[in-house]
């Protein structure tokens, strides 16, 4: 046990330990699932946390351009990242309506289950828009005298 404690106190070993303990699909670590918890240096752990949180903030900040243009309110920790890491293109013609939102963070494709997460977010927004359209139609009909 003492040999492991010394091995994982090294700063270089912490990212490898984090990757090995992370869930394959979500990337999160559940401490209850660790078969053998490791003792690590607190300052090295805080440094790793800062680095990982910075990556998450940059990744979330890549969606700022698209979210701002469409009026989606993002948390303050996301909007603080600026709009420089993403882009938005809207094509609205007689035959085509297409919205393209680009997250230009270089490691965005290495995020596990990336496509599923994006499709889920789009489905949630589509459901909200559908409910809002139904409400607006019902309200307009009521105001026009229809039941």
C-alpha atoms as a PDB file:
ATOM      1  CA  UNK A   1       0.000   0.000   0.000  1.00  0.00           C
ATOM      2  CA  UNK A   2       2.825   2.400   0.833  1.00  0.00           C
ATOM      3  CA  UNK A   3       4.367   1.826  -2.604  1.00  0.00           C
ATOM      4  CA  UNK A   4       1.089   2.842  -4.289  1.00  0.00           C
ATOM      5  CA  UNK A   5       0.755   5.911  -2.076  1.00  0.00           C
ATOM      6  CA  UNK A   6       4.196   7.115  -3.156  1.00  0.00           C
ATOM      7  CA  UNK A   7       3.534   6.266  -6.815  1.00  0.00           C
ATOM      8  CA  UNK A   8       0.287   8.237  -7.052  1.00  0.00           C
ATOM      9  CA  UNK A   9       1.577  11.268  -5.188  1.00  0.00           C
ATOM     10  CA  UNK A  10       3.533  12.163  -8.282  1.00  0.00           C
ATOM     11  CA  UNK A  11       1.779  14.838 -10.283  1.00  0.00           C
ATOM     12  CA  UNK A  12       2.183  13.058 -13.622  1.00  0.00           C
ATOM     13  CA  UNK A  13       0.375   9.954 -12.341  1.00  0.00           C
ATOM     14  CA  UNK A  14      -2.800  11.784 -11.290  1.00  0.00           C
ATOM     15  CA  UNK A  15      -4.272  12.309 -14.800  1.00  0.00           C
ATOM     16  CA  UNK A  16      -3.676   8.623 -15.576  1.00  0.00           C
ATOM     17  CA  UNK A  17      -5.345   7.635 -12.312  1.00  0.00           C
ATOM     18  CA  UNK A  18      -8.274   9.920 -13.098  1.00  0.00           C
ATOM     19  CA  UNK A  19      -8.712   8.425 -16.581  1.00  0.00           C
ATOM     20  CA  UNK A  20      -8.579   4.865 -15.256  1.00  0.00           C
ATOM     21  CA  UNK A  21     -11.199   5.558 -12.562  1.00  0.00           C
ATOM     22  CA  UNK A  22     -13.585   7.529 -14.804  1.00  0.00           C
ATOM     23  CA  UNK A  23     -16.790   5.947 -16.085  1.00  0.00           C
ATOM     24  CA  UNK A  24     -16.487   5.053 -19.763  1.00  0.00           C
ATOM     25  CA  UNK A  25     -19.676   6.790 -20.933  1.00  0.00           C
ATOM     26  CA  UNK A  26     -20.044   9.746 -18.565  1.00  0.00           C
ATOM     27  CA  UNK A  27     -16.409  10.444 -17.649  1.00  0.00           C
ATOM     28  CA  UNK A  28     -17.372  10.951 -14.004  1.00  0.00           C
ATOM     29  CA  UNK A  29     -15.846   9.243 -10.995  1.00  0.00           C
ATOM     30  CA  UNK A  30     -18.021   7.716  -8.307  1.00  0.00           C
ATOM     31  CA  UNK A  31     -15.876   7.286  -5.176  1.00  0.00           C
ATOM     32  CA  UNK A  32     -18.015   4.351  -4.046  1.00  0.00           C
ATOM     33  CA  UNK A  33     -16.975   2.390  -7.138  1.00  0.00           C
ATOM     34  CA  UNK A  34     -13.254   2.647  -6.400  1.00  0.00           C
ATOM     35  CA  UNK A  35     -12.084  -0.753  -5.242  1.00  0.00           C
ATOM     36  CA  UNK A  36      -9.036   0.689  -3.560  1.00  0.00           C
ATOM     37  CA  UNK A  37      -8.947   4.441  -2.832  1.00  0.00           C
ATOM     38  CA  UNK A  38      -5.583   6.063  -3.329  1.00  0.00           C
ATOM     39  CA  UNK A  39      -3.924   8.636  -1.155  1.00  0.00           C
ATOM     40  CA  UNK A  40      -2.758  11.606  -3.200  1.00  0.00           C
ATOM     41  CA  UNK A  41      -1.136  14.923  -2.466  1.00  0.00           C
ATOM     42  CA  UNK A  42      -3.819  17.582  -1.860  1.00  0.00           C
ATOM     43  CA  UNK A  43      -2.056  20.313  -3.835  1.00  0.00           C
ATOM     44  CA  UNK A  44      -1.587  17.992  -6.835  1.00  0.00           C
ATOM     45  CA  UNK A  45      -5.266  17.043  -6.648  1.00  0.00           C
ATOM     46  CA  UNK A  46      -6.333  20.708  -6.580  1.00  0.00           C
ATOM     47  CA  UNK A  47      -4.088  21.429  -9.579  1.00  0.00           C
ATOM     48  CA  UNK A  48      -5.684  18.560 -11.511  1.00  0.00           C
ATOM     49  CA  UNK A  49      -9.165  19.780 -10.562  1.00  0.00           C
ATOM     50  CA  UNK A  50      -8.354  23.296 -11.778  1.00  0.00           C
ATOM     51  CA  UNK A  51      -7.057  21.911 -15.060  1.00  0.00           C
ATOM     52  CA  UNK A  52     -10.111  19.693 -15.615  1.00  0.00           C
ATOM     53  CA  UNK A  53     -12.572  22.448 -14.676  1.00  0.00           C
ATOM     54  CA  UNK A  54     -10.815  24.825 -17.083  1.00  0.00           C
ATOM     55  CA  UNK A  55     -11.268  22.270 -19.885  1.00  0.00           C
ATOM     56  CA  UNK A  56     -14.965  21.894 -19.048  1.00  0.00           C
ATOM     57  CA  UNK A  57     -15.443  25.683 -19.012  1.00  0.00           C
ATOM     58  CA  UNK A  58     -13.720  26.074 -22.396  1.00  0.00           C
ATOM     59  CA  UNK A  59     -15.767  23.245 -23.865  1.00  0.00           C
ATOM     60  CA  UNK A  60     -19.029  24.751 -22.625  1.00  0.00           C
ATOM     61  CA  UNK A  61     -17.911  28.191 -23.817  1.00  0.00           C
ATOM     62  CA  UNK A  62     -17.731  26.845 -27.364  1.00  0.00           C
ATOM     63  CA  UNK A  63     -21.550  26.907 -27.489  1.00  0.00           C
ATOM     64  CA  UNK A  64     -21.856  30.591 -26.491  1.00  0.00           C
ATOM     65  CA  UNK A  65     -22.163  31.905 -30.049  1.00  0.00           C
ATOM     66  CA  UNK A  66     -25.072  29.637 -30.900  1.00  0.00           C
ATOM     67  CA  UNK A  67     -26.829  29.997 -27.573  1.00  0.00           C
ATOM     68  CA  UNK A  68     -26.598  33.798 -27.564  1.00  0.00           C
ATOM     69  CA  UNK A  69     -27.963  34.100 -31.073  1.00  0.00           C
ATOM     70  CA  UNK A  70     -30.964  31.901 -30.256  1.00  0.00           C
ATOM     71  CA  UNK A  71     -31.752  33.493 -26.920  1.00  0.00           C
ATOM     72  CA  UNK A  72     -30.844  30.473 -24.803  1.00  0.00           C
ATOM     73  CA  UNK A  73     -29.746  31.596 -21.343  1.00  0.00           C
ATOM     74  CA  UNK A  74     -26.597  29.823 -20.241  1.00  0.00           C
ATOM     75  CA  UNK A  75     -25.113  29.823 -16.729  1.00  0.00           C
ATOM     76  CA  UNK A  76     -22.753  32.685 -15.891  1.00  0.00           C
ATOM     77  CA  UNK A  77     -19.717  30.379 -15.673  1.00  0.00           C
ATOM     78  CA  UNK A  78     -20.326  29.469 -19.333  1.00  0.00           C
ATOM     79  CA  UNK A  79     -21.026  32.950 -20.705  1.00  0.00           C
ATOM     80  CA  UNK A  80     -17.884  34.265 -19.001  1.00  0.00           C
ATOM     81  CA  UNK A  81     -15.811  32.208 -21.443  1.00  0.00           C
ATOM     82  CA  UNK A  82     -16.618  34.484 -24.392  1.00  0.00           C
ATOM     83  CA  UNK A  83     -17.800  33.626 -27.895  1.00  0.00           C
ATOM     84  CA  UNK A  84     -14.425  33.087 -29.549  1.00  0.00           C
ATOM     85  CA  UNK A  85     -14.464  29.282 -29.515  1.00  0.00           C
ATOM     86  CA  UNK A  86     -17.621  28.742 -31.532  1.00  0.00           C
ATOM     87  CA  UNK A  87     -19.539  29.889 -34.570  1.00  0.00           C
ATOM     88  CA  UNK A  88     -23.090  30.009 -35.861  1.00  0.00           C
ATOM     89  CA  UNK A  89     -24.519  29.971 -39.378  1.00  0.00           C
ATOM     90  CA  UNK A  90     -28.227  30.278 -40.177  1.00  0.00           C
ATOM     91  CA  UNK A  91     -29.563  29.621 -43.680  1.00  0.00           C
ATOM     92  CA  UNK A  92     -33.196  30.617 -44.150  1.00  0.00           C
ATOM     93  CA  UNK A  93     -34.400  30.470 -47.726  1.00  0.00           C
ATOM     94  CA  UNK A  94     -37.643  29.472 -49.399  1.00  0.00           C
ATOM     95  CA  UNK A  95     -36.541  25.843 -49.703  1.00  0.00           C
ATOM     96  CA  UNK A  96     -34.104  25.419 -46.836  1.00  0.00           C
ATOM     97  CA  UNK A  97     -33.884  26.283 -43.176  1.00  0.00           C
ATOM     98  CA  UNK A  98     -30.647  25.150 -41.574  1.00  0.00           C
ATOM     99  CA  UNK A  99     -28.929  26.124 -38.336  1.00  0.00           C
ATOM    100  CA  UNK A 100     -25.274  25.161 -37.958  1.00  0.00           C
ATOM    101  CA  UNK A 101     -23.631  25.632 -34.580  1.00  0.00           C
ATOM    102  CA  UNK A 102     -19.912  24.903 -34.368  1.00  0.00           C
ATOM    103  CA  UNK A 103     -17.915  24.274 -31.221  1.00  0.00           C
ATOM    104  CA  UNK A 104     -14.304  24.912 -32.255  1.00  0.00           C
ATOM    105  CA  UNK A 105     -12.619  23.669 -29.083  1.00  0.00           C
ATOM    106  CA  UNK A 106      -9.884  21.311 -30.273  1.00  0.00           C
ATOM    107  CA  UNK A 107     -10.750  18.420 -27.924  1.00  0.00           C
ATOM    108  CA  UNK A 108     -14.521  18.517 -28.402  1.00  0.00           C
ATOM    109  CA  UNK A 109     -14.579  15.284 -30.403  1.00  0.00           C
ATOM    110  CA  UNK A 110     -12.722  13.378 -27.689  1.00  0.00           C
ATOM    111  CA  UNK A 111     -15.651  13.854 -25.281  1.00  0.00           C
ATOM    112  CA  UNK A 112     -17.334  10.522 -24.665  1.00  0.00           C
ATOM    113  CA  UNK A 113     -20.840  10.123 -26.129  1.00  0.00           C
ATOM    114  CA  UNK A 114     -20.567  13.544 -27.752  1.00  0.00           C
ATOM    115  CA  UNK A 115     -23.159  12.957 -30.479  1.00  0.00           C
ATOM    116  CA  UNK A 116     -25.746  11.575 -28.058  1.00  0.00           C
ATOM    117  CA  UNK A 117     -25.343  14.576 -25.776  1.00  0.00           C
ATOM    118  CA  UNK A 118     -25.800  17.042 -28.634  1.00  0.00           C
ATOM    119  CA  UNK A 119     -28.826  15.193 -29.995  1.00  0.00           C
ATOM    120  CA  UNK A 120     -30.353  15.120 -26.524  1.00  0.00           C
ATOM    121  CA  UNK A 121     -29.879  18.892 -26.116  1.00  0.00           C
ATOM    122  CA  UNK A 122     -31.439  19.522 -29.534  1.00  0.00           C
ATOM    123  CA  UNK A 123     -34.416  17.276 -28.681  1.00  0.00           C
ATOM    124  CA  UNK A 124     -34.990  19.141 -25.413  1.00  0.00           C
ATOM    125  CA  UNK A 125     -34.949  22.515 -27.193  1.00  0.00           C
ATOM    126  CA  UNK A 126     -37.264  21.203 -29.950  1.00  0.00           C
ATOM    127  CA  UNK A 127     -39.754  20.000 -27.324  1.00  0.00           C
ATOM    128  CA  UNK A 128     -39.682  23.406 -25.639  1.00  0.00           C
ATOM    129  CA  UNK A 129     -40.295  25.144 -28.957  1.00  0.00           C
ATOM    130  CA  UNK A 130     -43.171  22.765 -29.781  1.00  0.00           C
ATOM    131  CA  UNK A 131     -44.850  23.400 -26.408  1.00  0.00           C
ATOM    132  CA  UNK A 132     -44.385  27.150 -26.787  1.00  0.00           C
ATOM    133  CA  UNK A 133     -45.892  27.093 -30.303  1.00  0.00           C
ATOM    134  CA  UNK A 134     -48.922  25.139 -29.049  1.00  0.00           C
ATOM    135  CA  UNK A 135     -49.400  27.608 -26.204  1.00  0.00           C
ATOM    136  CA  UNK A 136     -49.132  30.632 -28.493  1.00  0.00           C
ATOM    137  CA  UNK A 137     -51.604  29.117 -30.957  1.00  0.00           C
ATOM    138  CA  UNK A 138     -54.097  28.282 -28.187  1.00  0.00           C
ATOM    139  CA  UNK A 139     -53.792  31.777 -26.736  1.00  0.00           C
ATOM    140  CA  UNK A 140     -54.280  33.406 -30.138  1.00  0.00           C
ATOM    141  CA  UNK A 141     -57.381  31.287 -30.785  1.00  0.00           C
ATOM    142  CA  UNK A 142     -58.824  32.186 -27.366  1.00  0.00           C
ATOM    143  CA  UNK A 143     -58.228  35.892 -27.954  1.00  0.00           C
ATOM    144  CA  UNK A 144     -59.916  35.611 -31.359  1.00  0.00           C
ATOM    145  CA  UNK A 145     -63.030  34.205 -29.748  1.00  0.00           C
ATOM    146  CA  UNK A 146     -62.494  30.520 -30.401  1.00  0.00           C
ATOM    147  CA  UNK A 147     -62.681  28.054 -27.527  1.00  0.00           C
END
